[in-house]
């Protein structure tokens, strides 16, 4: 089956989309719906054990709750895939939302072009996997009205509002990944205002800034970030990290002391453990 991606223009509130996929009986189904929120900031509660958790992600919300009856893609009226209908869960419940297709297409394009990471056999062809540069910080958006209550100046409020009149938000630091280069620089509750003098209002702006570092080549992997901290504007140089997506690839078990040691994967770093973890069995 051939699927055609479409990343531009972005979906807007009120757009009609079609959820196309397979039902529980493995038959193709289609449901029409309306986009109610094209940029809903996803929040998934932390779990008490290490596992993958979606962070710094915006998803698409529809006016119809299809539940988990079937999976597939959200298409526009021309049949172009605009989002993956994905399932998320925490310790208590499961829900489904649309994952914008640009998140998928960026990685797919990098794999097709050949990345700088380790090779993986795909359909009989060895391809280099992409190395992804990221700012390893968990962020959450707050409304500009709330940011004003914390002391952010009217000049910044107006500039951010003009830059993104749909979201009208500023990104706030929840925490840094353990062992990341940002860990000892950014602090909880810092508001991120600009990167390299460019205003930022959403997670995608951060991703684009990290990608620009990768394309530049002749840099030290640091972003010039303007933040608002405790009533003051501060300019910082914040390092970024490179992920290969492999996670934990090697573990050593010490039978006589009943423990195992391994390098931490992203899921462990996310819950703010030490970079090197000793897990007692």
C-alpha atoms as a PDB file:
ATOM      1  CA  UNK A   1       0.000   0.000   0.000  1.00  0.00           C
ATOM      2  CA  UNK A   2       1.323   3.453  -0.946  1.00  0.00           C
ATOM      3  CA  UNK A   3       0.728   6.373   1.415  1.00  0.00           C
ATOM      4  CA  UNK A   4       1.336   9.959   0.315  1.00  0.00           C
ATOM      5  CA  UNK A   5       2.412  12.389   3.050  1.00  0.00           C
ATOM      6  CA  UNK A   6       1.393  16.036   3.219  1.00  0.00           C
ATOM      7  CA  UNK A   7       3.030  18.312   5.809  1.00  0.00           C
ATOM      8  CA  UNK A   8       2.063  21.770   4.529  1.00  0.00           C
ATOM      9  CA  UNK A   9      -0.082  23.655   5.173  1.00  0.00           C
ATOM     10  CA  UNK A  10      -0.648  22.572   8.762  1.00  0.00           C
ATOM     11  CA  UNK A  11      -4.107  21.457   9.824  1.00  0.00           C
ATOM     12  CA  UNK A  12      -6.261  24.170  11.407  1.00  0.00           C
ATOM     13  CA  UNK A  13      -9.191  24.147  13.800  1.00  0.00           C
ATOM     14  CA  UNK A  14     -12.370  23.323  11.847  1.00  0.00           C
ATOM     15  CA  UNK A  15     -10.661  21.343   9.057  1.00  0.00           C
ATOM     16  CA  UNK A  16     -12.366  18.141   7.929  1.00  0.00           C
ATOM     17  CA  UNK A  17     -10.317  14.957   8.119  1.00  0.00           C
ATOM     18  CA  UNK A  18     -10.976  11.274   7.490  1.00  0.00           C
ATOM     19  CA  UNK A  19      -9.738   8.576   9.825  1.00  0.00           C
ATOM     20  CA  UNK A  20      -8.844   5.652   7.562  1.00  0.00           C
ATOM     21  CA  UNK A  21      -7.603   2.328   8.880  1.00  0.00           C
ATOM     22  CA  UNK A  22      -8.349  -1.240   9.852  1.00  0.00           C
ATOM     23  CA  UNK A  23     -10.993  -2.230  12.370  1.00  0.00           C
ATOM     24  CA  UNK A  24     -10.916  -5.135  14.786  1.00  0.00           C
ATOM     25  CA  UNK A  25     -12.176  -7.391  11.979  1.00  0.00           C
ATOM     26  CA  UNK A  26      -9.246  -6.262   9.772  1.00  0.00           C
ATOM     27  CA  UNK A  27     -11.583  -4.524   7.328  1.00  0.00           C
ATOM     28  CA  UNK A  28     -10.850  -1.075   5.957  1.00  0.00           C
ATOM     29  CA  UNK A  29     -12.976   1.625   7.550  1.00  0.00           C
ATOM     30  CA  UNK A  30     -13.332   5.376   7.193  1.00  0.00           C
ATOM     31  CA  UNK A  31     -14.763   7.959   9.587  1.00  0.00           C
ATOM     32  CA  UNK A  32     -15.167  11.679   8.966  1.00  0.00           C
ATOM     33  CA  UNK A  33     -14.369  14.128  11.739  1.00  0.00           C
ATOM     34  CA  UNK A  34     -13.487  17.756  12.457  1.00  0.00           C
ATOM     35  CA  UNK A  35     -10.240  19.045  13.960  1.00  0.00           C
ATOM     36  CA  UNK A  36     -10.959  20.802  17.262  1.00  0.00           C
ATOM     37  CA  UNK A  37      -7.353  21.379  18.335  1.00  0.00           C
ATOM     38  CA  UNK A  38      -4.467  20.939  15.856  1.00  0.00           C
ATOM     39  CA  UNK A  39      -1.749  21.679  18.425  1.00  0.00           C
ATOM     40  CA  UNK A  40      -2.753  20.137  21.745  1.00  0.00           C
ATOM     41  CA  UNK A  41       0.256  19.816  24.048  1.00  0.00           C
ATOM     42  CA  UNK A  42       0.402  16.178  25.106  1.00  0.00           C
ATOM     43  CA  UNK A  43       0.791  15.414  28.781  1.00  0.00           C
ATOM     44  CA  UNK A  44       1.302  11.861  30.031  1.00  0.00           C
ATOM     45  CA  UNK A  45       1.759  11.219  33.740  1.00  0.00           C
ATOM     46  CA  UNK A  46       5.133   9.851  34.799  1.00  0.00           C
ATOM     47  CA  UNK A  47       5.152   6.166  35.597  1.00  0.00           C
ATOM     48  CA  UNK A  48       6.932   4.498  38.491  1.00  0.00           C
ATOM     49  CA  UNK A  49       9.107   2.343  36.241  1.00  0.00           C
ATOM     50  CA  UNK A  50      11.319   3.214  33.242  1.00  0.00           C
ATOM     51  CA  UNK A  51       9.559   3.015  29.884  1.00  0.00           C
ATOM     52  CA  UNK A  52       9.179   5.181  26.809  1.00  0.00           C
ATOM     53  CA  UNK A  53       7.114   8.289  27.452  1.00  0.00           C
ATOM     54  CA  UNK A  54       6.087  10.881  24.889  1.00  0.00           C
ATOM     55  CA  UNK A  55       7.393  14.325  25.855  1.00  0.00           C
ATOM     56  CA  UNK A  56       7.494  17.710  24.124  1.00  0.00           C
ATOM     57  CA  UNK A  57       4.875  16.592  21.627  1.00  0.00           C
ATOM     58  CA  UNK A  58       1.843  18.282  20.109  1.00  0.00           C
ATOM     59  CA  UNK A  59      -1.027  16.102  18.919  1.00  0.00           C
ATOM     60  CA  UNK A  60      -4.260  16.571  16.988  1.00  0.00           C
ATOM     61  CA  UNK A  61      -7.600  16.376  18.775  1.00  0.00           C
ATOM     62  CA  UNK A  62     -10.869  15.585  16.965  1.00  0.00           C
ATOM     63  CA  UNK A  63     -14.498  16.332  17.789  1.00  0.00           C
ATOM     64  CA  UNK A  64     -15.341  12.612  17.686  1.00  0.00           C
ATOM     65  CA  UNK A  65     -14.038  10.078  20.161  1.00  0.00           C
ATOM     66  CA  UNK A  66     -13.291   6.991  18.084  1.00  0.00           C
ATOM     67  CA  UNK A  67     -11.644   5.319  21.047  1.00  0.00           C
ATOM     68  CA  UNK A  68      -9.279   2.502  20.166  1.00  0.00           C
ATOM     69  CA  UNK A  69     -11.703   0.749  17.798  1.00  0.00           C
ATOM     70  CA  UNK A  70      -9.288   0.941  14.895  1.00  0.00           C
ATOM     71  CA  UNK A  71      -5.912   2.387  13.968  1.00  0.00           C
ATOM     72  CA  UNK A  72      -4.774   4.166  10.858  1.00  0.00           C
ATOM     73  CA  UNK A  73      -4.085   7.636   9.497  1.00  0.00           C
ATOM     74  CA  UNK A  74      -5.879  10.968   9.339  1.00  0.00           C
ATOM     75  CA  UNK A  75      -6.280  12.044   5.715  1.00  0.00           C
ATOM     76  CA  UNK A  76      -7.533  15.245   4.124  1.00  0.00           C
ATOM     77  CA  UNK A  77     -10.147  15.352   1.366  1.00  0.00           C
ATOM     78  CA  UNK A  78      -7.417  14.781  -1.257  1.00  0.00           C
ATOM     79  CA  UNK A  79      -6.375  11.540   0.408  1.00  0.00           C
ATOM     80  CA  UNK A  80      -3.055  12.887   1.725  1.00  0.00           C
ATOM     81  CA  UNK A  81      -1.962  11.475   5.088  1.00  0.00           C
ATOM     82  CA  UNK A  82      -1.788  14.324   7.611  1.00  0.00           C
ATOM     83  CA  UNK A  83      -1.347  12.410  10.855  1.00  0.00           C
ATOM     84  CA  UNK A  84      -0.904   8.958  12.369  1.00  0.00           C
ATOM     85  CA  UNK A  85      -3.751   7.893  14.671  1.00  0.00           C
ATOM     86  CA  UNK A  86      -1.654   6.900  17.687  1.00  0.00           C
ATOM     87  CA  UNK A  87      -2.350   5.361  21.079  1.00  0.00           C
ATOM     88  CA  UNK A  88      -0.937   6.714  24.343  1.00  0.00           C
ATOM     89  CA  UNK A  89      -1.212   5.354  27.851  1.00  0.00           C
ATOM     90  CA  UNK A  90      -0.124   6.008  31.390  1.00  0.00           C
ATOM     91  CA  UNK A  91      -0.606   3.895  34.502  1.00  0.00           C
ATOM     92  CA  UNK A  92      -4.354   4.444  34.650  1.00  0.00           C
ATOM     93  CA  UNK A  93      -5.886   4.800  31.207  1.00  0.00           C
ATOM     94  CA  UNK A  94      -5.329   4.798  27.437  1.00  0.00           C
ATOM     95  CA  UNK A  95      -6.292   7.406  24.857  1.00  0.00           C
ATOM     96  CA  UNK A  96      -5.736   8.072  21.146  1.00  0.00           C
ATOM     97  CA  UNK A  97      -4.706  11.253  19.329  1.00  0.00           C
ATOM     98  CA  UNK A  98      -3.320  12.253  15.956  1.00  0.00           C
ATOM     99  CA  UNK A  99       0.485  12.480  15.621  1.00  0.00           C
ATOM    100  CA  UNK A 100       1.327  15.131  12.960  1.00  0.00           C
ATOM    101  CA  UNK A 101       2.896  13.558   9.918  1.00  0.00           C
ATOM    102  CA  UNK A 102       5.893  15.928   9.878  1.00  0.00           C
ATOM    103  CA  UNK A 103       7.269  14.057  12.912  1.00  0.00           C
ATOM    104  CA  UNK A 104       7.208  10.840  10.891  1.00  0.00           C
ATOM    105  CA  UNK A 105       8.304  12.249   7.525  1.00  0.00           C
ATOM    106  CA  UNK A 106      11.421  13.911   8.967  1.00  0.00           C
ATOM    107  CA  UNK A 107      12.736  10.590  10.265  1.00  0.00           C
ATOM    108  CA  UNK A 108      11.668   8.679   7.136  1.00  0.00           C
ATOM    109  CA  UNK A 109      13.457  11.185   4.889  1.00  0.00           C
ATOM    110  CA  UNK A 110      16.602  10.921   7.024  1.00  0.00           C
ATOM    111  CA  UNK A 111      16.543   7.123   6.768  1.00  0.00           C
ATOM    112  CA  UNK A 112      16.037   7.236   2.983  1.00  0.00           C
ATOM    113  CA  UNK A 113      18.922   9.673   2.545  1.00  0.00           C
ATOM    114  CA  UNK A 114      21.116   7.634   4.884  1.00  0.00           C
ATOM    115  CA  UNK A 115      22.046   8.767   8.371  1.00  0.00           C
ATOM    116  CA  UNK A 116      25.341   8.832  10.243  1.00  0.00           C
ATOM    117  CA  UNK A 117      24.280   6.262  12.822  1.00  0.00           C
ATOM    118  CA  UNK A 118      24.559   2.483  12.893  1.00  0.00           C
ATOM    119  CA  UNK A 119      23.209   0.561   9.899  1.00  0.00           C
ATOM    120  CA  UNK A 120      19.949  -1.343   9.907  1.00  0.00           C
ATOM    121  CA  UNK A 121      18.670  -3.814   7.307  1.00  0.00           C
ATOM    122  CA  UNK A 122      15.383  -2.490   5.862  1.00  0.00           C
ATOM    123  CA  UNK A 123      13.669  -4.445   3.073  1.00  0.00           C
ATOM    124  CA  UNK A 124      16.966  -6.084   2.178  1.00  0.00           C
ATOM    125  CA  UNK A 125      18.868  -2.784   2.010  1.00  0.00           C
ATOM    126  CA  UNK A 126      21.328  -1.588   4.641  1.00  0.00           C
ATOM    127  CA  UNK A 127      20.642   2.005   5.584  1.00  0.00           C
ATOM    128  CA  UNK A 128      22.367   4.244   8.097  1.00  0.00           C
ATOM    129  CA  UNK A 129      20.052   5.336  10.880  1.00  0.00           C
ATOM    130  CA  UNK A 130      19.795   9.067  11.600  1.00  0.00           C
ATOM    131  CA  UNK A 131      21.349  10.666  14.657  1.00  0.00           C
ATOM    132  CA  UNK A 132      18.885  13.099  16.201  1.00  0.00           C
ATOM    133  CA  UNK A 133      20.129  16.210  18.003  1.00  0.00           C
ATOM    134  CA  UNK A 134      17.836  17.214  20.853  1.00  0.00           C
ATOM    135  CA  UNK A 135      17.563  19.588  23.762  1.00  0.00           C
ATOM    136  CA  UNK A 136      17.021  17.032  26.518  1.00  0.00           C
ATOM    137  CA  UNK A 137      14.597  19.068  28.571  1.00  0.00           C
ATOM    138  CA  UNK A 138      10.967  18.350  29.418  1.00  0.00           C
ATOM    139  CA  UNK A 139       8.850  21.401  28.565  1.00  0.00           C
ATOM    140  CA  UNK A 140       5.255  22.395  29.153  1.00  0.00           C
ATOM    141  CA  UNK A 141       3.372  25.389  27.727  1.00  0.00           C
ATOM    142  CA  UNK A 142       1.739  28.052  29.872  1.00  0.00           C
ATOM    143  CA  UNK A 143      -0.612  30.765  28.639  1.00  0.00           C
ATOM    144  CA  UNK A 144       0.780  34.250  28.074  1.00  0.00           C
ATOM    145  CA  UNK A 145      -1.715  35.599  30.602  1.00  0.00           C
ATOM    146  CA  UNK A 146      -0.231  33.276  33.211  1.00  0.00           C
ATOM    147  CA  UNK A 147       3.316  34.241  32.197  1.00  0.00           C
ATOM    148  CA  UNK A 148       2.385  37.905  32.759  1.00  0.00           C
ATOM    149  CA  UNK A 149       1.344  37.039  36.309  1.00  0.00           C
ATOM    150  CA  UNK A 150       4.850  35.626  36.866  1.00  0.00           C
ATOM    151  CA  UNK A 151       6.386  38.938  35.781  1.00  0.00           C
ATOM    152  CA  UNK A 152       7.092  38.515  32.057  1.00  0.00           C
ATOM    153  CA  UNK A 153       7.165  41.976  30.472  1.00  0.00           C
ATOM    154  CA  UNK A 154       4.468  43.291  28.142  1.00  0.00           C
ATOM    155  CA  UNK A 155       7.040  43.617  25.341  1.00  0.00           C
ATOM    156  CA  UNK A 156       7.715  39.878  25.420  1.00  0.00           C
ATOM    157  CA  UNK A 157       4.011  39.094  25.768  1.00  0.00           C
ATOM    158  CA  UNK A 158       3.191  41.163  22.688  1.00  0.00           C
ATOM    159  CA  UNK A 159       6.083  39.744  20.643  1.00  0.00           C
ATOM    160  CA  UNK A 160       5.166  36.123  21.426  1.00  0.00           C
ATOM    161  CA  UNK A 161       1.481  36.820  20.750  1.00  0.00           C
ATOM    162  CA  UNK A 162       2.256  38.341  17.342  1.00  0.00           C
ATOM    163  CA  UNK A 163       4.571  35.461  16.477  1.00  0.00           C
ATOM    164  CA  UNK A 164       1.952  32.793  17.240  1.00  0.00           C
ATOM    165  CA  UNK A 165      -1.603  34.155  17.689  1.00  0.00           C
ATOM    166  CA  UNK A 166      -3.040  30.617  17.700  1.00  0.00           C
ATOM    167  CA  UNK A 167      -1.155  29.118  20.637  1.00  0.00           C
ATOM    168  CA  UNK A 168      -0.520  32.289  22.697  1.00  0.00           C
ATOM    169  CA  UNK A 169       1.835  30.463  25.003  1.00  0.00           C
ATOM    170  CA  UNK A 170       5.382  30.312  26.303  1.00  0.00           C
ATOM    171  CA  UNK A 171       7.369  27.144  27.013  1.00  0.00           C
ATOM    172  CA  UNK A 172       8.339  26.450  30.609  1.00  0.00           C
ATOM    173  CA  UNK A 173      10.976  23.975  31.869  1.00  0.00           C
ATOM    174  CA  UNK A 174       9.614  21.040  33.886  1.00  0.00           C
ATOM    175  CA  UNK A 175      12.955  19.291  34.298  1.00  0.00           C
ATOM    176  CA  UNK A 176      16.133  18.177  32.536  1.00  0.00           C
ATOM    177  CA  UNK A 177      17.110  14.645  31.579  1.00  0.00           C
ATOM    178  CA  UNK A 178      19.681  13.183  33.957  1.00  0.00           C
ATOM    179  CA  UNK A 179      23.177  13.385  32.509  1.00  0.00           C
ATOM    180  CA  UNK A 180      22.158  15.764  29.711  1.00  0.00           C
ATOM    181  CA  UNK A 181      24.234  18.807  28.796  1.00  0.00           C
ATOM    182  CA  UNK A 182      21.347  21.052  29.817  1.00  0.00           C
ATOM    183  CA  UNK A 183      20.998  19.506  33.279  1.00  0.00           C
ATOM    184  CA  UNK A 184      23.091  22.016  35.235  1.00  0.00           C
ATOM    185  CA  UNK A 185      22.179  25.067  33.140  1.00  0.00           C
ATOM    186  CA  UNK A 186      18.402  25.188  32.800  1.00  0.00           C
ATOM    187  CA  UNK A 187      16.268  25.086  35.930  1.00  0.00           C
ATOM    188  CA  UNK A 188      12.691  24.164  36.685  1.00  0.00           C
ATOM    189  CA  UNK A 189      10.209  26.983  35.903  1.00  0.00           C
ATOM    190  CA  UNK A 190      12.566  28.758  33.469  1.00  0.00           C
ATOM    191  CA  UNK A 191      10.574  30.300  30.599  1.00  0.00           C
ATOM    192  CA  UNK A 192      12.150  29.844  27.157  1.00  0.00           C
ATOM    193  CA  UNK A 193      11.685  33.024  25.128  1.00  0.00           C
ATOM    194  CA  UNK A 194      14.080  32.833  22.175  1.00  0.00           C
ATOM    195  CA  UNK A 195      16.720  30.594  20.603  1.00  0.00           C
ATOM    196  CA  UNK A 196      19.504  32.289  18.641  1.00  0.00           C
ATOM    197  CA  UNK A 197      17.451  35.530  18.809  1.00  0.00           C
ATOM    198  CA  UNK A 198      14.436  33.805  17.206  1.00  0.00           C
ATOM    199  CA  UNK A 199      11.217  33.722  19.235  1.00  0.00           C
ATOM    200  CA  UNK A 200       9.986  30.258  20.224  1.00  0.00           C
ATOM    201  CA  UNK A 201       6.412  29.354  21.097  1.00  0.00           C
ATOM    202  CA  UNK A 202       6.153  25.603  20.473  1.00  0.00           C
ATOM    203  CA  UNK A 203       8.123  22.368  20.618  1.00  0.00           C
ATOM    204  CA  UNK A 204       8.640  22.397  16.851  1.00  0.00           C
ATOM    205  CA  UNK A 205      10.613  25.642  17.139  1.00  0.00           C
ATOM    206  CA  UNK A 206      13.071  23.883  19.463  1.00  0.00           C
ATOM    207  CA  UNK A 207      13.360  20.935  17.067  1.00  0.00           C
ATOM    208  CA  UNK A 208      14.070  23.270  14.153  1.00  0.00           C
ATOM    209  CA  UNK A 209      16.778  25.061  16.131  1.00  0.00           C
ATOM    210  CA  UNK A 210      18.463  21.742  16.969  1.00  0.00           C
ATOM    211  CA  UNK A 211      18.216  20.644  13.330  1.00  0.00           C
ATOM    212  CA  UNK A 212      19.817  23.921  12.233  1.00  0.00           C
ATOM    213  CA  UNK A 213      22.776  23.125  14.495  1.00  0.00           C
ATOM    214  CA  UNK A 214      23.149  19.741  12.805  1.00  0.00           C
ATOM    215  CA  UNK A 215      23.050  21.265   9.325  1.00  0.00           C
ATOM    216  CA  UNK A 216      25.538  23.977  10.266  1.00  0.00           C
ATOM    217  CA  UNK A 217      28.263  21.444  11.045  1.00  0.00           C
ATOM    218  CA  UNK A 218      30.909  23.872  12.334  1.00  0.00           C
ATOM    219  CA  UNK A 219      29.495  24.431  15.811  1.00  0.00           C
ATOM    220  CA  UNK A 220      29.904  23.118  19.327  1.00  0.00           C
ATOM    221  CA  UNK A 221      26.332  21.865  19.555  1.00  0.00           C
ATOM    222  CA  UNK A 222      25.146  24.707  21.777  1.00  0.00           C
ATOM    223  CA  UNK A 223      22.046  26.889  21.533  1.00  0.00           C
ATOM    224  CA  UNK A 224      21.928  30.534  22.571  1.00  0.00           C
ATOM    225  CA  UNK A 225      18.738  30.582  24.630  1.00  0.00           C
ATOM    226  CA  UNK A 226      17.082  33.616  26.184  1.00  0.00           C
ATOM    227  CA  UNK A 227      15.133  32.674  29.296  1.00  0.00           C
ATOM    228  CA  UNK A 228      13.076  34.400  31.975  1.00  0.00           C
ATOM    229  CA  UNK A 229      14.110  33.304  35.463  1.00  0.00           C
ATOM    230  CA  UNK A 230      12.917  34.783  38.760  1.00  0.00           C
ATOM    231  CA  UNK A 231      12.005  38.143  37.257  1.00  0.00           C
ATOM    232  CA  UNK A 232      15.126  38.525  35.095  1.00  0.00           C
ATOM    233  CA  UNK A 233      15.977  37.898  31.444  1.00  0.00           C
ATOM    234  CA  UNK A 234      19.073  35.730  31.087  1.00  0.00           C
ATOM    235  CA  UNK A 235      21.042  34.651  27.991  1.00  0.00           C
ATOM    236  CA  UNK A 236      22.522  31.152  28.246  1.00  0.00           C
ATOM    237  CA  UNK A 237      24.593  28.796  26.116  1.00  0.00           C
ATOM    238  CA  UNK A 238      22.912  25.403  26.458  1.00  0.00           C
ATOM    239  CA  UNK A 239      24.413  22.202  25.094  1.00  0.00           C
ATOM    240  CA  UNK A 240      22.396  19.695  23.078  1.00  0.00           C
ATOM    241  CA  UNK A 241      22.668  15.895  22.985  1.00  0.00           C
ATOM    242  CA  UNK A 242      22.660  13.384  20.136  1.00  0.00           C
ATOM    243  CA  UNK A 243      20.426  10.297  20.270  1.00  0.00           C
ATOM    244  CA  UNK A 244      20.722   7.251  18.033  1.00  0.00           C
ATOM    245  CA  UNK A 245      17.436   5.665  19.116  1.00  0.00           C
ATOM    246  CA  UNK A 246      19.068   2.372  20.103  1.00  0.00           C
ATOM    247  CA  UNK A 247      18.385   2.701  23.823  1.00  0.00           C
ATOM    248  CA  UNK A 248      20.132   0.166  26.055  1.00  0.00           C
ATOM    249  CA  UNK A 249      22.182  -2.238  23.936  1.00  0.00           C
ATOM    250  CA  UNK A 250      24.309  -4.025  26.553  1.00  0.00           C
ATOM    251  CA  UNK A 251      23.798  -5.231  30.119  1.00  0.00           C
ATOM    252  CA  UNK A 252      26.068  -7.058  32.573  1.00  0.00           C
ATOM    253  CA  UNK A 253      24.576  -9.349  35.225  1.00  0.00           C
ATOM    254  CA  UNK A 254      26.472 -10.095  38.413  1.00  0.00           C
ATOM    255  CA  UNK A 255      24.892 -13.322  39.605  1.00  0.00           C
ATOM    256  CA  UNK A 256      26.637 -13.586  42.965  1.00  0.00           C
ATOM    257  CA  UNK A 257      25.348 -10.181  44.128  1.00  0.00           C
ATOM    258  CA  UNK A 258      22.006 -10.386  42.292  1.00  0.00           C
ATOM    259  CA  UNK A 259      22.300  -7.160  40.369  1.00  0.00           C
ATOM    260  CA  UNK A 260      22.718  -5.974  36.805  1.00  0.00           C
ATOM    261  CA  UNK A 261      24.432  -2.895  35.392  1.00  0.00           C
ATOM    262  CA  UNK A 262      23.745  -1.061  32.153  1.00  0.00           C
ATOM    263  CA  UNK A 263      23.983   2.339  30.515  1.00  0.00           C
ATOM    264  CA  UNK A 264      20.752   4.219  30.982  1.00  0.00           C
ATOM    265  CA  UNK A 265      18.357   4.634  28.091  1.00  0.00           C
ATOM    266  CA  UNK A 266      16.305   7.769  27.462  1.00  0.00           C
ATOM    267  CA  UNK A 267      13.393   6.475  29.551  1.00  0.00           C
ATOM    268  CA  UNK A 268      15.583   6.208  32.643  1.00  0.00           C
ATOM    269  CA  UNK A 269      17.203   9.604  32.088  1.00  0.00           C
ATOM    270  CA  UNK A 270      13.717  11.076  31.754  1.00  0.00           C
ATOM    271  CA  UNK A 271      12.764  10.144  35.310  1.00  0.00           C
ATOM    272  CA  UNK A 272      15.866  11.980  36.491  1.00  0.00           C
ATOM    273  CA  UNK A 273      17.924   8.981  37.608  1.00  0.00           C
ATOM    274  CA  UNK A 274      21.715   8.986  37.492  1.00  0.00           C
ATOM    275  CA  UNK A 275      23.323   8.492  34.088  1.00  0.00           C
ATOM    276  CA  UNK A 276      24.822   5.161  35.139  1.00  0.00           C
ATOM    277  CA  UNK A 277      22.197   3.012  36.800  1.00  0.00           C
ATOM    278  CA  UNK A 278      22.563  -0.009  39.052  1.00  0.00           C
ATOM    279  CA  UNK A 279      19.276  -1.855  39.280  1.00  0.00           C
ATOM    280  CA  UNK A 280      18.909  -4.394  42.065  1.00  0.00           C
ATOM    281  CA  UNK A 281      16.864  -7.415  41.159  1.00  0.00           C
END
